[in-house]
Amino acid sequence: MSEINNTISKEKLLHYLNLTKEAREKATAIHEIGSDESKMLSTLLRMADDYTNDAHYFMENGDYIRAFGAINYAHAWIDAGIKLRLLDGHGDDHLFTLP
């Protein structure tokens, strides 16, 4: 039986911060700027960026649990953009939950 790992190390946290950064950079908008969809996407990405900033803040202050939660929320906002077909994940099923 494998051992359960219930520790959030700095290395693990950095891994997820990097994964979300990579997802944020890779995903691209599908709809034209100014469309209703692009306005919704703007809200989603602002939430992703805000949670990413929160994750960095928490990590810098040694609160790895809140940082881990925040970065997962950030990634979820990006994933929502993919699922709602506001973002193109370019077929990357490692970074995204594809439609």
PDB file of N, CA and C in Angstrom:
ATOM      1  N   MET A   1       0.847  -1.178   0.000  1.00  0.00           N
ATOM      2  CA  MET A   1       0.000   0.000   0.000  1.00  0.00           C
ATOM      3  C   MET A   1       0.889   1.237   0.000  1.00  0.00           C
ATOM      4  N   SER A   2       0.571   2.187  -0.870  1.00  0.00           N
ATOM      5  CA  SER A   2       1.407   3.381  -0.950  1.00  0.00           C
ATOM      6  C   SER A   2       1.082   4.338   0.193  1.00  0.00           C
ATOM      7  N   GLU A   3       2.074   5.103   0.550  1.00  0.00           N
ATOM      8  CA  GLU A   3       1.930   6.073   1.635  1.00  0.00           C
ATOM      9  C   GLU A   3       1.178   7.302   1.138  1.00  0.00           C
ATOM     10  N   ILE A   4       0.247   7.787   1.952  1.00  0.00           N
ATOM     11  CA  ILE A   4      -0.509   8.985   1.605  1.00  0.00           C
ATOM     12  C   ILE A   4       0.353  10.205   1.904  1.00  0.00           C
ATOM     13  N   ASN A   5       0.431  11.104   0.940  1.00  0.00           N
ATOM     14  CA  ASN A   5       1.208  12.328   1.123  1.00  0.00           C
ATOM     15  C   ASN A   5       0.233  13.465   1.394  1.00  0.00           C
ATOM     16  N   ASN A   6       0.222  13.938   2.623  1.00  0.00           N
ATOM     17  CA  ASN A   6      -0.706  15.011   2.986  1.00  0.00           C
ATOM     18  C   ASN A   6       0.038  16.277   3.382  1.00  0.00           C
ATOM     19  N   THR A   7       1.195  16.462   2.768  1.00  0.00           N
ATOM     20  CA  THR A   7       2.019  17.635   3.047  1.00  0.00           C
ATOM     21  C   THR A   7       2.124  18.499   1.798  1.00  0.00           C
ATOM     22  N   ILE A   8       1.962  19.792   1.982  1.00  0.00           N
ATOM     23  CA  ILE A   8       2.151  20.719   0.868  1.00  0.00           C
ATOM     24  C   ILE A   8       3.535  21.341   1.036  1.00  0.00           C
ATOM     25  N   SER A   9       4.462  20.852   0.256  1.00  0.00           N
ATOM     26  CA  SER A   9       5.833  21.369   0.300  1.00  0.00           C
ATOM     27  C   SER A   9       5.946  22.579  -0.616  1.00  0.00           C
ATOM     28  N   LYS A  10       6.998  23.325  -0.443  1.00  0.00           N
ATOM     29  CA  LYS A  10       7.247  24.455  -1.330  1.00  0.00           C
ATOM     30  C   LYS A  10       7.412  23.968  -2.769  1.00  0.00           C
ATOM     31  N   GLU A  11       8.079  22.836  -2.939  1.00  0.00           N
ATOM     32  CA  GLU A  11       8.293  22.290  -4.274  1.00  0.00           C
ATOM     33  C   GLU A  11       6.967  21.923  -4.937  1.00  0.00           C
ATOM     34  N   LYS A  12       6.060  21.294  -4.169  1.00  0.00           N
ATOM     35  CA  LYS A  12       4.756  20.922  -4.717  1.00  0.00           C
ATOM     36  C   LYS A  12       3.965  22.173  -5.075  1.00  0.00           C
ATOM     37  N   LEU A  13       4.008  23.154  -4.212  1.00  0.00           N
ATOM     38  CA  LEU A  13       3.305  24.401  -4.466  1.00  0.00           C
ATOM     39  C   LEU A  13       3.848  25.096  -5.706  1.00  0.00           C
ATOM     40  N   LEU A  14       5.157  25.147  -5.842  1.00  0.00           N
ATOM     41  CA  LEU A  14       5.759  25.752  -7.030  1.00  0.00           C
ATOM     42  C   LEU A  14       5.370  25.003  -8.296  1.00  0.00           C
ATOM     43  N   HIS A  15       5.257  23.680  -8.194  1.00  0.00           N
ATOM     44  CA  HIS A  15       4.825  22.872  -9.342  1.00  0.00           C
ATOM     45  C   HIS A  15       3.439  23.320  -9.813  1.00  0.00           C
ATOM     46  N   TYR A  16       2.507  23.477  -8.885  1.00  0.00           N
ATOM     47  CA  TYR A  16       1.152  23.862  -9.264  1.00  0.00           C
ATOM     48  C   TYR A  16       1.063  25.320  -9.694  1.00  0.00           C
ATOM     49  N   LEU A  17       1.856  26.184  -9.106  1.00  0.00           N
ATOM     50  CA  LEU A  17       1.914  27.569  -9.578  1.00  0.00           C
ATOM     51  C   LEU A  17       2.393  27.608 -11.025  1.00  0.00           C
ATOM     52  N   ASN A  18       3.408  26.820 -11.331  1.00  0.00           N
ATOM     53  CA  ASN A  18       3.953  26.770 -12.695  1.00  0.00           C
ATOM     54  C   ASN A  18       2.952  26.149 -13.668  1.00  0.00           C
ATOM     55  N   LEU A  19       2.256  25.107 -13.233  1.00  0.00           N
ATOM     56  CA  LEU A  19       1.263  24.457 -14.079  1.00  0.00           C
ATOM     57  C   LEU A  19       0.154  25.442 -14.460  1.00  0.00           C
ATOM     58  N   THR A  20      -0.298  26.218 -13.497  1.00  0.00           N
ATOM     59  CA  THR A  20      -1.350  27.194 -13.764  1.00  0.00           C
ATOM     60  C   THR A  20      -0.832  28.330 -14.642  1.00  0.00           C
ATOM     61  N   LYS A  21       0.394  28.739 -14.415  1.00  0.00           N
ATOM     62  CA  LYS A  21       0.998  29.776 -15.275  1.00  0.00           C
ATOM     63  C   LYS A  21       1.063  29.283 -16.717  1.00  0.00           C
ATOM     64  N   GLU A  22       1.480  28.042 -16.888  1.00  0.00           N
ATOM     65  CA  GLU A  22       1.568  27.450 -18.228  1.00  0.00           C
ATOM     66  C   GLU A  22       0.174  27.387 -18.873  1.00  0.00           C
ATOM     67  N   ALA A  23      -0.835  27.009 -18.101  1.00  0.00           N
ATOM     68  CA  ALA A  23      -2.202  26.939 -18.622  1.00  0.00           C
ATOM     69  C   ALA A  23      -2.694  28.325 -19.028  1.00  0.00           C
ATOM     70  N   ARG A  24      -2.409  29.306 -18.194  1.00  0.00           N
ATOM     71  CA  ARG A  24      -2.861  30.687 -18.470  1.00  0.00           C
ATOM     72  C   ARG A  24      -2.234  31.213 -19.757  1.00  0.00           C
ATOM     73  N   GLU A  25      -0.969  30.864 -19.983  1.00  0.00           N
ATOM     74  CA  GLU A  25      -0.264  31.315 -21.183  1.00  0.00           C
ATOM     75  C   GLU A  25      -0.712  30.568 -22.434  1.00  0.00           C
ATOM     76  N   LYS A  26      -1.075  29.297 -22.282  1.00  0.00           N
ATOM     77  CA  LYS A  26      -1.407  28.481 -23.446  1.00  0.00           C
ATOM     78  C   LYS A  26      -2.827  28.715 -23.955  1.00  0.00           C
ATOM     79  N   ALA A  27      -3.763  28.887 -23.052  1.00  0.00           N
ATOM     80  CA  ALA A  27      -5.167  29.045 -23.436  1.00  0.00           C
ATOM     81  C   ALA A  27      -5.356  30.372 -24.164  1.00  0.00           C
ATOM     82  N   THR A  28      -6.076  30.324 -25.269  1.00  0.00           N
ATOM     83  CA  THR A  28      -6.307  31.544 -26.043  1.00  0.00           C
ATOM     84  C   THR A  28      -7.808  31.762 -26.248  1.00  0.00           C
ATOM     85  N   ALA A  29      -8.163  33.024 -26.348  1.00  0.00           N
ATOM     86  CA  ALA A  29      -9.567  33.403 -26.530  1.00  0.00           C
ATOM     87  C   ALA A  29     -10.083  32.893 -27.866  1.00  0.00           C
ATOM     88  N   ILE A  30     -11.340  32.495 -27.869  1.00  0.00           N
ATOM     89  CA  ILE A  30     -11.979  31.998 -29.086  1.00  0.00           C
ATOM     90  C   ILE A  30     -12.796  33.099 -29.765  1.00  0.00           C
ATOM     91  N   HIS A  31     -13.391  33.981 -28.985  1.00  0.00           N
ATOM     92  CA  HIS A  31     -14.323  34.973 -29.521  1.00  0.00           C
ATOM     93  C   HIS A  31     -13.657  36.333 -29.712  1.00  0.00           C
ATOM     94  N   GLU A  32     -14.255  37.140 -30.561  1.00  0.00           N
ATOM     95  CA  GLU A  32     -13.725  38.464 -30.863  1.00  0.00           C
ATOM     96  C   GLU A  32     -13.833  39.396 -29.658  1.00  0.00           C
ATOM     97  N   ILE A  33     -12.867  40.285 -29.535  1.00  0.00           N
ATOM     98  CA  ILE A  33     -12.880  41.289 -28.479  1.00  0.00           C
ATOM     99  C   ILE A  33     -14.137  42.139 -28.626  1.00  0.00           C
ATOM    100  N   GLY A  34     -14.793  42.400 -27.513  1.00  0.00           N
ATOM    101  CA  GLY A  34     -16.006  43.206 -27.522  1.00  0.00           C
ATOM    102  C   GLY A  34     -17.280  42.385 -27.541  1.00  0.00           C
ATOM    103  N   SER A  35     -17.179  41.109 -27.865  1.00  0.00           N
ATOM    104  CA  SER A  35     -18.367  40.252 -27.873  1.00  0.00           C
ATOM    105  C   SER A  35     -18.790  39.956 -26.430  1.00  0.00           C
ATOM    106  N   ASP A  36     -20.017  39.509 -26.266  1.00  0.00           N
ATOM    107  CA  ASP A  36     -20.498  39.134 -24.933  1.00  0.00           C
ATOM    108  C   ASP A  36     -19.613  38.038 -24.329  1.00  0.00           C
ATOM    109  N   GLU A  37     -19.207  37.099 -25.180  1.00  0.00           N
ATOM    110  CA  GLU A  37     -18.353  36.007 -24.709  1.00  0.00           C
ATOM    111  C   GLU A  37     -17.004  36.520 -24.229  1.00  0.00           C
ATOM    112  N   SER A  38     -16.447  37.484 -24.934  1.00  0.00           N
ATOM    113  CA  SER A  38     -15.144  38.007 -24.512  1.00  0.00           C
ATOM    114  C   SER A  38     -15.260  38.764 -23.190  1.00  0.00           C
ATOM    115  N   LYS A  39     -16.411  39.374 -22.949  1.00  0.00           N
ATOM    116  CA  LYS A  39     -16.628  40.050 -21.665  1.00  0.00           C
ATOM    117  C   LYS A  39     -16.712  39.033 -20.533  1.00  0.00           C
ATOM    118  N   MET A  40     -17.391  37.916 -20.781  1.00  0.00           N
ATOM    119  CA  MET A  40     -17.450  36.848 -19.778  1.00  0.00           C
ATOM    120  C   MET A  40     -16.060  36.276 -19.532  1.00  0.00           C
ATOM    121  N   LEU A  41     -15.319  36.074 -20.613  1.00  0.00           N
ATOM    122  CA  LEU A  41     -13.966  35.542 -20.492  1.00  0.00           C
ATOM    123  C   LEU A  41     -13.088  36.485 -19.685  1.00  0.00           C
ATOM    124  N   SER A  42     -13.237  37.761 -19.892  1.00  0.00           N
ATOM    125  CA  SER A  42     -12.467  38.744 -19.142  1.00  0.00           C
ATOM    126  C   SER A  42     -12.690  38.576 -17.635  1.00  0.00           C
ATOM    127  N   THR A  43     -13.928  38.335 -17.254  1.00  0.00           N
ATOM    128  CA  THR A  43     -14.246  38.113 -15.847  1.00  0.00           C
ATOM    129  C   THR A  43     -13.579  36.837 -15.333  1.00  0.00           C
ATOM    130  N   LEU A  44     -13.670  35.767 -16.102  1.00  0.00           N
ATOM    131  CA  LEU A  44     -13.047  34.499 -15.708  1.00  0.00           C
ATOM    132  C   LEU A  44     -11.538  34.648 -15.530  1.00  0.00           C
ATOM    133  N   LEU A  45     -10.899  35.297 -16.481  1.00  0.00           N
ATOM    134  CA  LEU A  45      -9.444  35.438 -16.418  1.00  0.00           C
ATOM    135  C   LEU A  45      -9.013  36.384 -15.305  1.00  0.00           C
ATOM    136  N   ARG A  46      -9.817  37.400 -15.031  1.00  0.00           N
ATOM    137  CA  ARG A  46      -9.510  38.291 -13.912  1.00  0.00           C
ATOM    138  C   ARG A  46      -9.555  37.508 -12.599  1.00  0.00           C
ATOM    139  N   MET A  47     -10.547  36.634 -12.469  1.00  0.00           N
ATOM    140  CA  MET A  47     -10.639  35.800 -11.270  1.00  0.00           C
ATOM    141  C   MET A  47      -9.426  34.863 -11.175  1.00  0.00           C
ATOM    142  N   ALA A  48      -9.038  34.265 -12.301  1.00  0.00           N
ATOM    143  CA  ALA A  48      -7.864  33.385 -12.309  1.00  0.00           C
ATOM    144  C   ALA A  48      -6.617  34.156 -11.898  1.00  0.00           C
ATOM    145  N   ASP A  49      -6.450  35.349 -12.433  1.00  0.00           N
ATOM    146  CA  ASP A  49      -5.275  36.158 -12.100  1.00  0.00           C
ATOM    147  C   ASP A  49      -5.294  36.609 -10.639  1.00  0.00           C
ATOM    148  N   ASP A  50      -6.469  36.976 -10.139  1.00  0.00           N
ATOM    149  CA  ASP A  50      -6.578  37.392  -8.735  1.00  0.00           C
ATOM    150  C   ASP A  50      -6.227  36.240  -7.803  1.00  0.00           C
ATOM    151  N   TYR A  51      -6.752  35.049  -8.091  1.00  0.00           N
ATOM    152  CA  TYR A  51      -6.429  33.891  -7.251  1.00  0.00           C
ATOM    153  C   TYR A  51      -4.953  33.514  -7.364  1.00  0.00           C
ATOM    154  N   THR A  52      -4.370  33.668  -8.540  1.00  0.00           N
ATOM    155  CA  THR A  52      -2.941  33.403  -8.691  1.00  0.00           C
ATOM    156  C   THR A  52      -2.132  34.377  -7.845  1.00  0.00           C
ATOM    157  N   ASN A  53      -2.502  35.641  -7.891  1.00  0.00           N
ATOM    158  CA  ASN A  53      -1.819  36.637  -7.054  1.00  0.00           C
ATOM    159  C   ASN A  53      -1.976  36.309  -5.573  1.00  0.00           C
ATOM    160  N   ASP A  54      -3.175  35.887  -5.183  1.00  0.00           N
ATOM    161  CA  ASP A  54      -3.393  35.477  -3.791  1.00  0.00           C
ATOM    162  C   ASP A  54      -2.489  34.312  -3.421  1.00  0.00           C
ATOM    163  N   ALA A  55      -2.365  33.342  -4.326  1.00  0.00           N
ATOM    164  CA  ALA A  55      -1.519  32.171  -4.065  1.00  0.00           C
ATOM    165  C   ALA A  55      -0.079  32.594  -3.811  1.00  0.00           C
ATOM    166  N   HIS A  56       0.420  33.498  -4.631  1.00  0.00           N
ATOM    167  CA  HIS A  56       1.794  33.985  -4.434  1.00  0.00           C
ATOM    168  C   HIS A  56       1.926  34.712  -3.099  1.00  0.00           C
ATOM    169  N   TYR A  57       0.953  35.528  -2.767  1.00  0.00           N
ATOM    170  CA  TYR A  57       0.969  36.259  -1.491  1.00  0.00           C
ATOM    171  C   TYR A  57       1.001  35.278  -0.314  1.00  0.00           C
ATOM    172  N   PHE A  58       0.100  34.291  -0.337  1.00  0.00           N
ATOM    173  CA  PHE A  58       0.059  33.320   0.748  1.00  0.00           C
ATOM    174  C   PHE A  58       1.364  32.536   0.850  1.00  0.00           C
ATOM    175  N   MET A  59       1.918  32.129  -0.303  1.00  0.00           N
ATOM    176  CA  MET A  59       3.169  31.377  -0.282  1.00  0.00           C
ATOM    177  C   MET A  59       4.291  32.212   0.326  1.00  0.00           C
ATOM    178  N   GLU A  60       4.375  33.457  -0.100  1.00  0.00           N
ATOM    179  CA  GLU A  60       5.430  34.337   0.424  1.00  0.00           C
ATOM    180  C   GLU A  60       5.311  34.550   1.931  1.00  0.00           C
ATOM    181  N   ASN A  61       4.101  34.398   2.458  1.00  0.00           N
ATOM    182  CA  ASN A  61       3.871  34.553   3.887  1.00  0.00           C
ATOM    183  C   ASN A  61       3.842  33.218   4.627  1.00  0.00           C
ATOM    184  N   GLY A  62       4.258  32.149   3.948  1.00  0.00           N
ATOM    185  CA  GLY A  62       4.387  30.841   4.573  1.00  0.00           C
ATOM    186  C   GLY A  62       3.087  30.081   4.764  1.00  0.00           C
ATOM    187  N   ASP A  63       1.997  30.561   4.195  1.00  0.00           N
ATOM    188  CA  ASP A  63       0.704  29.893   4.323  1.00  0.00           C
ATOM    189  C   ASP A  63       0.475  29.023   3.094  1.00  0.00           C
ATOM    190  N   TYR A  64       1.111  27.860   3.099  1.00  0.00           N
ATOM    191  CA  TYR A  64       1.078  26.978   1.939  1.00  0.00           C
ATOM    192  C   TYR A  64      -0.294  26.370   1.705  1.00  0.00           C
ATOM    193  N   ILE A  65      -1.057  26.160   2.746  1.00  0.00           N
ATOM    194  CA  ILE A  65      -2.392  25.577   2.571  1.00  0.00           C
ATOM    195  C   ILE A  65      -3.289  26.544   1.807  1.00  0.00           C
ATOM    196  N   ARG A  66      -3.328  27.802   2.227  1.00  0.00           N
ATOM    197  CA  ARG A  66      -4.147  28.775   1.493  1.00  0.00           C
ATOM    198  C   ARG A  66      -3.592  29.020   0.093  1.00  0.00           C
ATOM    199  N   ALA A  67      -2.288  29.005  -0.060  1.00  0.00           N
ATOM    200  CA  ALA A  67      -1.681  29.184  -1.381  1.00  0.00           C
ATOM    201  C   ALA A  67      -2.092  28.044  -2.305  1.00  0.00           C
ATOM    202  N   PHE A  68      -2.084  26.822  -1.791  1.00  0.00           N
ATOM    203  CA  PHE A  68      -2.463  25.662  -2.591  1.00  0.00           C
ATOM    204  C   PHE A  68      -3.941  25.756  -2.997  1.00  0.00           C
ATOM    205  N   GLY A  69      -4.776  26.154  -2.066  1.00  0.00           N
ATOM    206  CA  GLY A  69      -6.193  26.330  -2.383  1.00  0.00           C
ATOM    207  C   GLY A  69      -6.397  27.398  -3.435  1.00  0.00           C
ATOM    208  N   ALA A  70      -5.716  28.515  -3.286  1.00  0.00           N
ATOM    209  CA  ALA A  70      -5.881  29.634  -4.217  1.00  0.00           C
ATOM    210  C   ALA A  70      -5.425  29.271  -5.623  1.00  0.00           C
ATOM    211  N   ILE A  71      -4.304  28.560  -5.740  1.00  0.00           N
ATOM    212  CA  ILE A  71      -3.818  28.241  -7.081  1.00  0.00           C
ATOM    213  C   ILE A  71      -4.735  27.224  -7.757  1.00  0.00           C
ATOM    214  N   ASN A  72      -5.355  26.362  -6.967  1.00  0.00           N
ATOM    215  CA  ASN A  72      -6.313  25.425  -7.549  1.00  0.00           C
ATOM    216  C   ASN A  72      -7.577  26.138  -8.015  1.00  0.00           C
ATOM    217  N   TYR A  73      -8.016  27.137  -7.265  1.00  0.00           N
ATOM    218  CA  TYR A  73      -9.134  27.964  -7.723  1.00  0.00           C
ATOM    219  C   TYR A  73      -8.759  28.678  -9.022  1.00  0.00           C
ATOM    220  N   ALA A  74      -7.564  29.229  -9.089  1.00  0.00           N
ATOM    221  CA  ALA A  74      -7.115  29.929 -10.298  1.00  0.00           C
ATOM    222  C   ALA A  74      -7.181  29.009 -11.510  1.00  0.00           C
ATOM    223  N   HIS A  75      -6.666  27.808 -11.340  1.00  0.00           N
ATOM    224  CA  HIS A  75      -6.657  26.866 -12.459  1.00  0.00           C
ATOM    225  C   HIS A  75      -8.088  26.485 -12.841  1.00  0.00           C
ATOM    226  N   ALA A  76      -8.950  26.370 -11.851  1.00  0.00           N
ATOM    227  CA  ALA A  76     -10.343  26.021 -12.129  1.00  0.00           C
ATOM    228  C   ALA A  76     -11.039  27.095 -12.963  1.00  0.00           C
ATOM    229  N   TRP A  77     -10.718  28.366 -12.701  1.00  0.00           N
ATOM    230  CA  TRP A  77     -11.310  29.440 -13.507  1.00  0.00           C
ATOM    231  C   TRP A  77     -10.866  29.327 -14.965  1.00  0.00           C
ATOM    232  N   ILE A  78      -9.601  28.990 -15.181  1.00  0.00           N
ATOM    233  CA  ILE A  78      -9.108  28.808 -16.553  1.00  0.00           C
ATOM    234  C   ILE A  78      -9.809  27.613 -17.195  1.00  0.00           C
ATOM    235  N   ASP A  79      -9.901  26.520 -16.440  1.00  0.00           N
ATOM    236  CA  ASP A  79     -10.579  25.326 -16.933  1.00  0.00           C
ATOM    237  C   ASP A  79     -12.035  25.614 -17.287  1.00  0.00           C
ATOM    238  N   ALA A  80     -12.682  26.457 -16.499  1.00  0.00           N
ATOM    239  CA  ALA A  80     -14.066  26.832 -16.790  1.00  0.00           C
ATOM    240  C   ALA A  80     -14.153  27.526 -18.144  1.00  0.00           C
ATOM    241  N   GLY A  81     -13.179  28.365 -18.440  1.00  0.00           N
ATOM    242  CA  GLY A  81     -13.147  29.030 -19.737  1.00  0.00           C
ATOM    243  C   GLY A  81     -13.032  28.042 -20.885  1.00  0.00           C
ATOM    244  N   ILE A  82     -12.289  26.967 -20.663  1.00  0.00           N
ATOM    245  CA  ILE A  82     -12.155  25.915 -21.676  1.00  0.00           C
ATOM    246  C   ILE A  82     -13.494  25.186 -21.832  1.00  0.00           C
ATOM    247  N   LYS A  83     -14.082  24.776 -20.708  1.00  0.00           N
ATOM    248  CA  LYS A  83     -15.334  24.014 -20.741  1.00  0.00           C
ATOM    249  C   LYS A  83     -16.478  24.817 -21.356  1.00  0.00           C
ATOM    250  N   LEU A  84     -16.492  26.124 -21.112  1.00  0.00           N
ATOM    251  CA  LEU A  84     -17.542  26.984 -21.650  1.00  0.00           C
ATOM    252  C   LEU A  84     -17.264  27.418 -23.089  1.00  0.00           C
ATOM    253  N   ARG A  85     -16.141  26.946 -23.619  1.00  0.00           N
ATOM    254  CA  ARG A  85     -15.724  27.259 -24.991  1.00  0.00           C
ATOM    255  C   ARG A  85     -15.498  28.753 -25.206  1.00  0.00           C
ATOM    256  N   LEU A  86     -14.958  29.367 -24.159  1.00  0.00           N
ATOM    257  CA  LEU A  86     -14.516  30.756 -24.259  1.00  0.00           C
ATOM    258  C   LEU A  86     -13.015  30.798 -24.538  1.00  0.00           C
ATOM    259  N   LEU A  87     -12.328  29.723 -24.171  1.00  0.00           N
ATOM    260  CA  LEU A  87     -10.894  29.579 -24.393  1.00  0.00           C
ATOM    261  C   LEU A  87     -10.622  28.308 -25.191  1.00  0.00           C
ATOM    262  N   ASP A  88      -9.583  28.355 -25.984  1.00  0.00           N
ATOM    263  CA  ASP A  88      -9.108  27.185 -26.712  1.00  0.00           C
ATOM    264  C   ASP A  88      -7.933  26.606 -25.940  1.00  0.00           C
ATOM    265  N   GLY A  89      -8.050  25.337 -25.554  1.00  0.00           N
ATOM    266  CA  GLY A  89      -6.974  24.657 -24.839  1.00  0.00           C
ATOM    267  C   GLY A  89      -6.008  23.950 -25.767  1.00  0.00           C
ATOM    268  N   HIS A  90      -6.212  24.093 -27.063  1.00  0.00           N
ATOM    269  CA  HIS A  90      -5.315  23.537 -28.085  1.00  0.00           C
ATOM    270  C   HIS A  90      -5.062  22.044 -27.897  1.00  0.00           C
ATOM    271  N   GLY A  91      -6.112  21.337 -27.445  1.00  0.00           N
ATOM    272  CA  GLY A  91      -6.024  19.881 -27.330  1.00  0.00           C
ATOM    273  C   GLY A  91      -5.174  19.378 -26.186  1.00  0.00           C
ATOM    274  N   ASP A  92      -4.747  20.236 -25.288  1.00  0.00           N
ATOM    275  CA  ASP A  92      -3.854  19.837 -24.198  1.00  0.00           C
ATOM    276  C   ASP A  92      -4.655  19.284 -23.014  1.00  0.00           C
ATOM    277  N   ASP A  93      -4.747  17.962 -22.954  1.00  0.00           N
ATOM    278  CA  ASP A  93      -5.498  17.346 -21.863  1.00  0.00           C
ATOM    279  C   ASP A  93      -4.648  17.121 -20.611  1.00  0.00           C
ATOM    280  N   HIS A  94      -3.427  17.614 -20.624  1.00  0.00           N
ATOM    281  CA  HIS A  94      -2.590  17.611 -19.424  1.00  0.00           C
ATOM    282  C   HIS A  94      -2.871  18.875 -18.595  1.00  0.00           C
ATOM    283  N   LEU A  95      -3.019  19.992 -19.268  1.00  0.00           N
ATOM    284  CA  LEU A  95      -3.251  21.258 -18.579  1.00  0.00           C
ATOM    285  C   LEU A  95      -4.724  21.544 -18.324  1.00  0.00           C
ATOM    286  N   PHE A  96      -5.597  20.959 -19.154  1.00  0.00           N
ATOM    287  CA  PHE A  96      -7.011  21.335 -19.119  1.00  0.00           C
ATOM    288  C   PHE A  96      -7.916  20.116 -19.089  1.00  0.00           C
ATOM    289  N   THR A  97      -9.133  20.344 -18.590  1.00  0.00           N
ATOM    290  CA  THR A  97     -10.219  19.385 -18.741  1.00  0.00           C
ATOM    291  C   THR A  97     -10.943  19.813 -20.013  1.00  0.00           C
ATOM    292  N   LEU A  98     -10.698  19.102 -21.061  1.00  0.00           N
ATOM    293  CA  LEU A  98     -11.220  19.506 -22.374  1.00  0.00           C
ATOM    294  C   LEU A  98     -12.703  19.172 -22.493  1.00  0.00           C
ATOM    295  N   PRO A  99     -13.417  19.965 -23.315  1.00  0.00           N
ATOM    296  CA  PRO A  99     -14.854  19.718 -23.519  1.00  0.00           C
ATOM    297  C   PRO A  99     -15.116  18.330 -24.060  1.00  0.00           C
TER     298      PRO A  99
END
